[in-house]
Amino acid sequence: MASESQNGTSVIQSRIQVDTRYYPSAEHALPALAVQTTRLVDTYMLWVGTTDVEPEQVENAPLQGCLAKDWACAMPARETSGTPAAATPLYRSSSSEAALSMAQRLARRFKKQIFLSIDMPPSLGSLGQEGKVLLAIERAVVETLKAHEAA
């Protein structure tokens, strides 16, 4: 934790930042997305899920979701030799490994440890929309992380 002195008083500044963003549906048939990012030192913890909450209430979206439907952790490689990021699933409730491969790509791209939880209803897979939703999820996460990196 960093500390500063203001008027002789010590102030502790938190290095943990939590941000929740709303991404409207790109297509009529796809649901809106919510991305909650917990930013730590050299680590991002992300929850991404479909949501039906209003944009103004997006902070409530993670409370209606499930953290561990498809959850993975990835560490970037130390060298830029093209070695894929080391990754492991933390929890899976389905046969999907989308969080694992996406966390690897994000760790390689942003050079940070990534904890990624994807909360997507199984009905999207049966409707043939899973690929489109996963692409929208990855785009939303990349946009969110770029904003954090620029700040």
N, C-alpha and C. Protein backbone atom coordinates (compact mmCIF):
# COMPACT_ATOMS: atom_id res chain seq x y z
N MET A 1 0.83 -1.18 0.00
CA MET A 1 0.00 0.00 0.00
C MET A 1 0.87 1.25 0.00
N ALA A 2 0.46 2.23 -0.72
CA ALA A 2 1.18 3.49 -0.78
C ALA A 2 0.62 4.42 0.26
N SER A 3 1.47 5.27 0.80
CA SER A 3 0.96 6.26 1.76
C SER A 3 1.49 7.62 1.39
N GLU A 4 0.72 8.64 1.69
CA GLU A 4 1.10 10.02 1.46
C GLU A 4 0.87 10.80 2.73
N SER A 5 1.49 11.92 2.82
CA SER A 5 1.26 12.78 3.97
C SER A 5 0.53 14.02 3.51
N GLN A 6 -0.62 14.28 4.12
CA GLN A 6 -1.39 15.48 3.83
C GLN A 6 -1.59 16.24 5.13
N ASN A 7 -1.04 17.44 5.23
CA ASN A 7 -1.18 18.27 6.43
C ASN A 7 -0.77 17.50 7.67
N GLY A 8 0.29 16.73 7.58
CA GLY A 8 0.79 15.99 8.73
C GLY A 8 0.01 14.73 9.03
N THR A 9 -1.00 14.40 8.24
CA THR A 9 -1.81 13.21 8.46
C THR A 9 -1.44 12.17 7.42
N SER A 10 -1.28 10.94 7.84
CA SER A 10 -0.94 9.87 6.92
C SER A 10 -2.22 9.36 6.25
N VAL A 11 -2.18 9.24 4.94
CA VAL A 11 -3.32 8.75 4.18
C VAL A 11 -2.87 7.49 3.43
N ILE A 12 -3.60 6.42 3.61
CA ILE A 12 -3.29 5.17 2.92
C ILE A 12 -4.13 5.11 1.64
N GLN A 13 -3.47 4.89 0.52
CA GLN A 13 -4.16 4.75 -0.75
C GLN A 13 -4.22 3.28 -1.12
N SER A 14 -5.38 2.82 -1.47
CA SER A 14 -5.55 1.42 -1.84
C SER A 14 -5.03 1.17 -3.25
N ARG A 15 -4.39 0.04 -3.42
CA ARG A 15 -3.94 -0.36 -4.74
C ARG A 15 -4.94 -1.31 -5.39
N ILE A 16 -6.03 -1.55 -4.71
CA ILE A 16 -7.08 -2.40 -5.25
C ILE A 16 -8.18 -1.50 -5.80
N GLN A 17 -8.52 -1.71 -7.06
CA GLN A 17 -9.57 -0.91 -7.69
C GLN A 17 -10.58 -1.87 -8.30
N VAL A 18 -11.87 -1.58 -8.07
CA VAL A 18 -12.94 -2.40 -8.63
C VAL A 18 -13.78 -1.52 -9.54
N ASP A 19 -14.05 -2.03 -10.73
CA ASP A 19 -14.80 -1.29 -11.74
C ASP A 19 -15.75 -2.25 -12.43
N THR A 20 -16.99 -1.82 -12.64
CA THR A 20 -17.96 -2.64 -13.37
C THR A 20 -18.47 -1.84 -14.55
N ARG A 21 -18.44 -2.45 -15.73
CA ARG A 21 -18.85 -1.76 -16.96
C ARG A 21 -19.94 -2.54 -17.67
N TYR A 22 -20.77 -1.80 -18.36
CA TYR A 22 -21.89 -2.34 -19.11
C TYR A 22 -21.58 -2.27 -20.60
N TYR A 23 -21.81 -3.37 -21.30
CA TYR A 23 -21.63 -3.41 -22.75
C TYR A 23 -22.95 -3.84 -23.39
N PRO A 24 -23.60 -2.93 -24.11
CA PRO A 24 -24.87 -3.30 -24.74
C PRO A 24 -24.66 -4.38 -25.80
N SER A 25 -25.73 -5.05 -26.12
CA SER A 25 -25.69 -6.12 -27.11
C SER A 25 -25.29 -5.57 -28.48
N ALA A 26 -24.39 -6.28 -29.14
CA ALA A 26 -23.96 -5.88 -30.49
C ALA A 26 -24.98 -6.33 -31.53
N GLU A 27 -25.72 -7.39 -31.20
CA GLU A 27 -26.75 -7.91 -32.09
C GLU A 27 -28.03 -8.10 -31.29
N HIS A 28 -29.15 -8.03 -31.97
CA HIS A 28 -30.44 -8.16 -31.29
C HIS A 28 -30.58 -9.50 -30.57
N ALA A 29 -30.06 -10.56 -31.13
CA ALA A 29 -30.21 -11.90 -30.55
C ALA A 29 -29.26 -12.17 -29.39
N LEU A 30 -28.28 -11.30 -29.17
CA LEU A 30 -27.29 -11.52 -28.11
C LEU A 30 -27.62 -10.68 -26.89
N PRO A 31 -27.29 -11.18 -25.70
CA PRO A 31 -27.56 -10.42 -24.48
C PRO A 31 -26.50 -9.34 -24.23
N ALA A 32 -26.84 -8.39 -23.38
CA ALA A 32 -25.87 -7.38 -22.93
C ALA A 32 -24.87 -8.06 -22.00
N LEU A 33 -23.71 -7.43 -21.83
CA LEU A 33 -22.66 -7.98 -20.98
C LEU A 33 -22.30 -7.02 -19.86
N ALA A 34 -21.87 -7.58 -18.76
CA ALA A 34 -21.30 -6.81 -17.66
C ALA A 34 -19.89 -7.35 -17.41
N VAL A 35 -18.94 -6.44 -17.20
CA VAL A 35 -17.56 -6.84 -16.92
C VAL A 35 -17.15 -6.17 -15.61
N GLN A 36 -16.86 -6.99 -14.61
CA GLN A 36 -16.35 -6.46 -13.34
C GLN A 36 -14.86 -6.76 -13.27
N THR A 37 -14.08 -5.72 -13.08
CA THR A 37 -12.62 -5.84 -13.02
C THR A 37 -12.15 -5.46 -11.63
N THR A 38 -11.38 -6.33 -11.02
CA THR A 38 -10.69 -6.00 -9.78
C THR A 38 -9.23 -5.92 -10.15
N ARG A 39 -8.69 -4.71 -10.02
CA ARG A 39 -7.30 -4.47 -10.43
C ARG A 39 -6.42 -4.51 -9.20
N LEU A 40 -5.44 -5.40 -9.24
CA LEU A 40 -4.45 -5.53 -8.19
C LEU A 40 -3.09 -5.17 -8.78
N VAL A 41 -2.03 -5.34 -8.04
CA VAL A 41 -0.69 -5.07 -8.57
C VAL A 41 -0.33 -6.19 -9.55
N ASP A 42 -0.18 -5.85 -10.83
CA ASP A 42 0.17 -6.78 -11.89
C ASP A 42 -0.80 -7.96 -12.05
N THR A 43 -2.04 -7.78 -11.61
CA THR A 43 -3.05 -8.83 -11.69
C THR A 43 -4.41 -8.22 -11.96
N TYR A 44 -5.17 -8.88 -12.81
CA TYR A 44 -6.57 -8.50 -13.04
C TYR A 44 -7.45 -9.71 -12.70
N MET A 45 -8.48 -9.46 -11.91
CA MET A 45 -9.51 -10.47 -11.65
C MET A 45 -10.75 -9.98 -12.38
N LEU A 46 -11.25 -10.78 -13.31
CA LEU A 46 -12.37 -10.37 -14.14
C LEU A 46 -13.53 -11.34 -14.01
N TRP A 47 -14.71 -10.80 -13.85
CA TRP A 47 -15.95 -11.56 -13.98
C TRP A 47 -16.68 -10.97 -15.16
N VAL A 48 -17.08 -11.82 -16.11
CA VAL A 48 -17.83 -11.37 -17.27
C VAL A 48 -19.07 -12.23 -17.37
N GLY A 49 -20.21 -11.56 -17.50
CA GLY A 49 -21.44 -12.32 -17.61
C GLY A 49 -22.48 -11.61 -18.43
N THR A 50 -23.44 -12.40 -18.90
CA THR A 50 -24.59 -11.81 -19.57
C THR A 50 -25.45 -11.17 -18.49
N THR A 51 -26.16 -10.10 -18.87
CA THR A 51 -26.96 -9.41 -17.86
C THR A 51 -28.22 -8.85 -18.49
N ASP A 52 -29.23 -8.71 -17.65
CA ASP A 52 -30.45 -8.05 -18.08
C ASP A 52 -30.73 -6.81 -17.23
N VAL A 53 -29.74 -6.39 -16.42
CA VAL A 53 -29.91 -5.18 -15.63
C VAL A 53 -29.74 -3.95 -16.52
N GLU A 54 -30.29 -2.85 -16.07
CA GLU A 54 -30.15 -1.58 -16.78
C GLU A 54 -28.71 -1.08 -16.64
N PRO A 55 -28.23 -0.32 -17.62
CA PRO A 55 -26.84 0.18 -17.55
C PRO A 55 -26.53 0.93 -16.25
N GLU A 56 -27.52 1.66 -15.72
CA GLU A 56 -27.30 2.43 -14.49
C GLU A 56 -27.13 1.52 -13.26
N GLN A 57 -27.58 0.28 -13.37
CA GLN A 57 -27.52 -0.67 -12.26
C GLN A 57 -26.48 -1.77 -12.48
N VAL A 58 -25.52 -1.53 -13.36
CA VAL A 58 -24.57 -2.57 -13.74
C VAL A 58 -23.76 -3.10 -12.55
N GLU A 59 -23.59 -2.31 -11.50
CA GLU A 59 -22.85 -2.78 -10.32
C GLU A 59 -23.53 -3.99 -9.70
N ASN A 60 -24.84 -4.16 -9.94
CA ASN A 60 -25.59 -5.29 -9.37
C ASN A 60 -25.48 -6.56 -10.21
N ALA A 61 -25.00 -6.46 -11.42
CA ALA A 61 -24.94 -7.62 -12.32
C ALA A 61 -24.12 -8.79 -11.74
N PRO A 62 -22.93 -8.56 -11.17
CA PRO A 62 -22.17 -9.69 -10.62
C PRO A 62 -22.90 -10.39 -9.47
N LEU A 63 -23.75 -9.65 -8.75
CA LEU A 63 -24.48 -10.25 -7.64
C LEU A 63 -25.54 -11.23 -8.13
N GLN A 64 -25.98 -11.07 -9.37
CA GLN A 64 -26.97 -11.96 -9.95
C GLN A 64 -26.33 -13.11 -10.72
N GLY A 65 -25.01 -13.06 -10.86
CA GLY A 65 -24.31 -14.08 -11.64
C GLY A 65 -23.68 -15.15 -10.78
N CYS A 66 -22.78 -15.90 -11.39
CA CYS A 66 -22.09 -16.99 -10.73
C CYS A 66 -20.59 -16.86 -11.02
N LEU A 67 -19.79 -16.77 -9.97
CA LEU A 67 -18.36 -16.57 -10.15
C LEU A 67 -17.69 -17.77 -10.81
N ALA A 68 -18.07 -18.95 -10.45
CA ALA A 68 -17.28 -20.11 -10.82
C ALA A 68 -17.90 -21.02 -11.87
N LYS A 69 -18.63 -20.48 -12.83
CA LYS A 69 -19.14 -21.34 -13.89
C LYS A 69 -18.00 -21.84 -14.78
N ASP A 70 -17.16 -20.94 -15.20
CA ASP A 70 -16.00 -21.26 -16.05
C ASP A 70 -14.91 -20.29 -15.62
N TRP A 71 -13.99 -20.75 -14.77
CA TRP A 71 -13.05 -19.86 -14.10
C TRP A 71 -11.64 -20.38 -14.31
N ALA A 72 -10.72 -19.50 -14.72
CA ALA A 72 -9.35 -19.92 -15.00
C ALA A 72 -8.36 -18.84 -14.58
N CYS A 73 -7.12 -19.24 -14.43
CA CYS A 73 -6.03 -18.31 -14.09
C CYS A 73 -4.90 -18.53 -15.10
N ALA A 74 -4.30 -17.43 -15.56
CA ALA A 74 -3.17 -17.52 -16.49
C ALA A 74 -2.08 -16.54 -16.08
N MET A 75 -0.85 -16.98 -16.27
CA MET A 75 0.34 -16.16 -15.99
C MET A 75 1.08 -15.94 -17.30
N PRO A 76 1.51 -14.70 -17.56
CA PRO A 76 2.26 -14.47 -18.80
C PRO A 76 3.63 -15.12 -18.74
N ALA A 77 4.15 -15.48 -19.90
CA ALA A 77 5.50 -16.03 -19.99
C ALA A 77 6.50 -14.92 -19.67
N ARG A 78 7.64 -15.28 -19.11
CA ARG A 78 8.65 -14.28 -18.76
C ARG A 78 9.31 -13.68 -19.99
N GLU A 79 9.49 -14.49 -21.01
CA GLU A 79 10.11 -14.00 -22.24
C GLU A 79 9.05 -13.84 -23.31
N THR A 80 9.37 -13.09 -24.31
CA THR A 80 8.45 -12.91 -25.43
C THR A 80 8.78 -13.88 -26.56
N SER A 81 9.05 -15.12 -26.21
CA SER A 81 9.47 -16.12 -27.18
C SER A 81 8.30 -16.79 -27.89
N GLY A 82 7.10 -16.30 -27.68
CA GLY A 82 5.94 -16.92 -28.29
C GLY A 82 5.40 -18.08 -27.47
N THR A 83 5.99 -18.31 -26.31
CA THR A 83 5.51 -19.35 -25.41
C THR A 83 4.14 -18.96 -24.89
N PRO A 84 3.18 -19.87 -24.95
CA PRO A 84 1.85 -19.52 -24.42
C PRO A 84 1.90 -19.30 -22.91
N ALA A 85 1.00 -18.49 -22.44
CA ALA A 85 0.91 -18.23 -21.00
C ALA A 85 0.54 -19.52 -20.28
N ALA A 86 1.14 -19.72 -19.11
CA ALA A 86 0.79 -20.88 -18.29
C ALA A 86 -0.60 -20.63 -17.72
N ALA A 87 -1.46 -21.64 -17.78
CA ALA A 87 -2.83 -21.45 -17.32
C ALA A 87 -3.37 -22.73 -16.72
N THR A 88 -4.35 -22.55 -15.85
CA THR A 88 -5.04 -23.69 -15.26
C THR A 88 -6.49 -23.33 -15.00
N PRO A 89 -7.40 -24.29 -15.20
CA PRO A 89 -8.78 -24.03 -14.82
C PRO A 89 -8.89 -24.06 -13.30
N LEU A 90 -9.63 -23.15 -12.73
CA LEU A 90 -9.86 -23.15 -11.29
C LEU A 90 -11.15 -23.86 -10.94
N TYR A 91 -12.13 -23.69 -11.81
CA TYR A 91 -13.42 -24.37 -11.62
C TYR A 91 -14.17 -24.36 -12.93
N ARG A 92 -14.82 -25.48 -13.22
CA ARG A 92 -15.68 -25.56 -14.41
C ARG A 92 -16.94 -26.29 -14.03
N SER A 93 -18.07 -25.74 -14.46
CA SER A 93 -19.32 -26.44 -14.22
C SER A 93 -19.86 -27.02 -15.52
N SER A 94 -19.12 -26.86 -16.58
CA SER A 94 -19.54 -27.40 -17.88
C SER A 94 -18.31 -27.90 -18.61
N SER A 95 -18.50 -28.30 -19.83
CA SER A 95 -17.37 -28.78 -20.62
C SER A 95 -16.63 -27.63 -21.30
N SER A 96 -17.07 -26.41 -21.09
CA SER A 96 -16.45 -25.25 -21.72
C SER A 96 -15.10 -24.94 -21.10
N GLU A 97 -14.15 -24.67 -21.95
CA GLU A 97 -12.84 -24.21 -21.49
C GLU A 97 -12.56 -22.83 -22.07
N ALA A 98 -13.60 -22.07 -22.31
CA ALA A 98 -13.44 -20.75 -22.91
C ALA A 98 -12.60 -19.84 -22.02
N ALA A 99 -12.81 -19.89 -20.71
CA ALA A 99 -12.07 -19.02 -19.80
C ALA A 99 -10.58 -19.34 -19.83
N LEU A 100 -10.24 -20.61 -19.96
CA LEU A 100 -8.83 -21.02 -19.97
C LEU A 100 -8.08 -20.42 -21.15
N SER A 101 -8.58 -20.64 -22.36
CA SER A 101 -7.87 -20.13 -23.54
C SER A 101 -7.92 -18.60 -23.61
N MET A 102 -9.05 -18.00 -23.20
CA MET A 102 -9.15 -16.55 -23.24
C MET A 102 -8.21 -15.92 -22.20
N ALA A 103 -8.11 -16.51 -21.02
CA ALA A 103 -7.19 -16.00 -19.99
C ALA A 103 -5.75 -16.06 -20.49
N GLN A 104 -5.40 -17.13 -21.20
CA GLN A 104 -4.04 -17.24 -21.77
C GLN A 104 -3.77 -16.11 -22.75
N ARG A 105 -4.71 -15.86 -23.64
CA ARG A 105 -4.52 -14.78 -24.63
C ARG A 105 -4.40 -13.42 -23.94
N LEU A 106 -5.23 -13.18 -22.93
CA LEU A 106 -5.21 -11.90 -22.23
C LEU A 106 -3.90 -11.72 -21.45
N ALA A 107 -3.43 -12.78 -20.79
CA ALA A 107 -2.17 -12.71 -20.04
C ALA A 107 -1.00 -12.41 -20.97
N ARG A 108 -0.99 -13.06 -22.14
CA ARG A 108 0.08 -12.82 -23.11
C ARG A 108 0.02 -11.38 -23.63
N ARG A 109 -1.18 -10.90 -23.91
CA ARG A 109 -1.34 -9.56 -24.49
C ARG A 109 -1.02 -8.45 -23.50
N PHE A 110 -1.50 -8.58 -22.25
CA PHE A 110 -1.36 -7.49 -21.28
C PHE A 110 -0.21 -7.71 -20.30
N LYS A 111 0.47 -8.85 -20.39
CA LYS A 111 1.64 -9.15 -19.54
C LYS A 111 1.31 -9.04 -18.04
N LYS A 112 0.13 -9.54 -17.70
CA LYS A 112 -0.34 -9.53 -16.30
C LYS A 112 -0.95 -10.89 -15.98
N GLN A 113 -0.98 -11.21 -14.68
CA GLN A 113 -1.71 -12.41 -14.27
C GLN A 113 -3.20 -12.12 -14.44
N ILE A 114 -3.93 -13.08 -14.98
CA ILE A 114 -5.35 -12.91 -15.26
C ILE A 114 -6.14 -14.02 -14.57
N PHE A 115 -7.10 -13.63 -13.75
CA PHE A 115 -8.12 -14.54 -13.24
C PHE A 115 -9.38 -14.18 -14.01
N LEU A 116 -9.95 -15.11 -14.74
CA LEU A 116 -11.09 -14.83 -15.59
C LEU A 116 -12.22 -15.80 -15.31
N SER A 117 -13.39 -15.23 -15.01
CA SER A 117 -14.60 -16.03 -14.81
C SER A 117 -15.61 -15.63 -15.87
N ILE A 118 -16.07 -16.59 -16.65
CA ILE A 118 -17.08 -16.33 -17.67
C ILE A 118 -18.39 -16.97 -17.21
N ASP A 119 -19.41 -16.15 -17.11
CA ASP A 119 -20.73 -16.57 -16.66
C ASP A 119 -21.71 -16.43 -17.82
N MET A 120 -21.92 -17.52 -18.54
CA MET A 120 -22.77 -17.50 -19.72
C MET A 120 -23.82 -18.60 -19.58
N PRO A 121 -25.10 -18.29 -19.79
CA PRO A 121 -26.11 -19.33 -19.65
C PRO A 121 -25.94 -20.43 -20.69
N PRO A 122 -26.17 -21.69 -20.29
CA PRO A 122 -26.02 -22.81 -21.24
C PRO A 122 -26.96 -22.71 -22.43
N SER A 123 -28.06 -22.00 -22.28
CA SER A 123 -29.03 -21.90 -23.39
C SER A 123 -28.42 -21.24 -24.62
N LEU A 124 -27.41 -20.37 -24.43
CA LEU A 124 -26.79 -19.73 -25.60
C LEU A 124 -26.05 -20.74 -26.45
N GLY A 125 -25.47 -21.76 -25.82
CA GLY A 125 -24.79 -22.81 -26.57
C GLY A 125 -25.76 -23.64 -27.39
N SER A 126 -26.91 -23.93 -26.80
CA SER A 126 -27.89 -24.73 -27.52
C SER A 126 -28.55 -23.94 -28.65
N LEU A 127 -28.53 -22.63 -28.56
CA LEU A 127 -29.09 -21.79 -29.63
C LEU A 127 -28.07 -21.48 -30.72
N GLY A 128 -26.85 -21.99 -30.56
CA GLY A 128 -25.81 -21.76 -31.55
C GLY A 128 -25.20 -20.37 -31.47
N GLN A 129 -25.39 -19.69 -30.34
CA GLN A 129 -24.88 -18.33 -30.17
C GLN A 129 -23.58 -18.26 -29.35
N GLU A 130 -23.10 -19.39 -28.87
CA GLU A 130 -21.95 -19.39 -27.96
C GLU A 130 -20.72 -18.70 -28.56
N GLY A 131 -20.39 -18.99 -29.80
CA GLY A 131 -19.22 -18.39 -30.44
C GLY A 131 -19.33 -16.88 -30.53
N LYS A 132 -20.51 -16.39 -30.90
CA LYS A 132 -20.72 -14.95 -31.00
C LYS A 132 -20.62 -14.27 -29.65
N VAL A 133 -21.19 -14.91 -28.63
CA VAL A 133 -21.14 -14.34 -27.28
C VAL A 133 -19.71 -14.33 -26.77
N LEU A 134 -18.96 -15.40 -26.99
CA LEU A 134 -17.57 -15.44 -26.54
C LEU A 134 -16.72 -14.38 -27.24
N LEU A 135 -16.97 -14.15 -28.51
CA LEU A 135 -16.26 -13.08 -29.22
C LEU A 135 -16.61 -11.72 -28.62
N ALA A 136 -17.88 -11.50 -28.33
CA ALA A 136 -18.30 -10.24 -27.71
C ALA A 136 -17.69 -10.08 -26.32
N ILE A 137 -17.60 -11.19 -25.58
CA ILE A 137 -16.99 -11.16 -24.25
C ILE A 137 -15.52 -10.77 -24.35
N GLU A 138 -14.79 -11.40 -25.27
CA GLU A 138 -13.36 -11.09 -25.39
C GLU A 138 -13.15 -9.64 -25.82
N ARG A 139 -13.96 -9.15 -26.73
CA ARG A 139 -13.84 -7.74 -27.15
C ARG A 139 -14.11 -6.81 -25.98
N ALA A 140 -15.14 -7.10 -25.17
CA ALA A 140 -15.47 -6.26 -24.02
C ALA A 140 -14.33 -6.27 -22.99
N VAL A 141 -13.76 -7.44 -22.75
CA VAL A 141 -12.66 -7.55 -21.78
C VAL A 141 -11.43 -6.80 -22.28
N VAL A 142 -11.09 -6.95 -23.55
CA VAL A 142 -9.93 -6.24 -24.10
C VAL A 142 -10.14 -4.73 -24.01
N GLU A 143 -11.33 -4.26 -24.35
CA GLU A 143 -11.62 -2.83 -24.26
C GLU A 143 -11.50 -2.34 -22.81
N THR A 144 -12.00 -3.13 -21.87
CA THR A 144 -11.92 -2.77 -20.45
C THR A 144 -10.47 -2.72 -19.99
N LEU A 145 -9.69 -3.73 -20.33
CA LEU A 145 -8.30 -3.76 -19.88
C LEU A 145 -7.45 -2.67 -20.53
N LYS A 146 -7.74 -2.36 -21.79
CA LYS A 146 -7.03 -1.25 -22.42
C LYS A 146 -7.30 0.06 -21.68
N ALA A 147 -8.55 0.27 -21.27
CA ALA A 147 -8.88 1.46 -20.50
C ALA A 147 -8.15 1.50 -19.17
N HIS A 148 -8.03 0.36 -18.51
CA HIS A 148 -7.30 0.31 -17.23
C HIS A 148 -5.81 0.56 -17.44
N GLU A 149 -5.27 -0.01 -18.50
CA GLU A 149 -3.84 0.17 -18.77
C GLU A 149 -3.51 1.62 -19.12
N ALA A 150 -4.44 2.30 -19.76
CA ALA A 150 -4.21 3.70 -20.15
C ALA A 150 -4.34 4.65 -18.96
N ALA A 151 -5.04 4.21 -17.92
CA ALA A 151 -5.27 5.10 -16.75
C ALA A 151 -4.05 5.21 -15.88
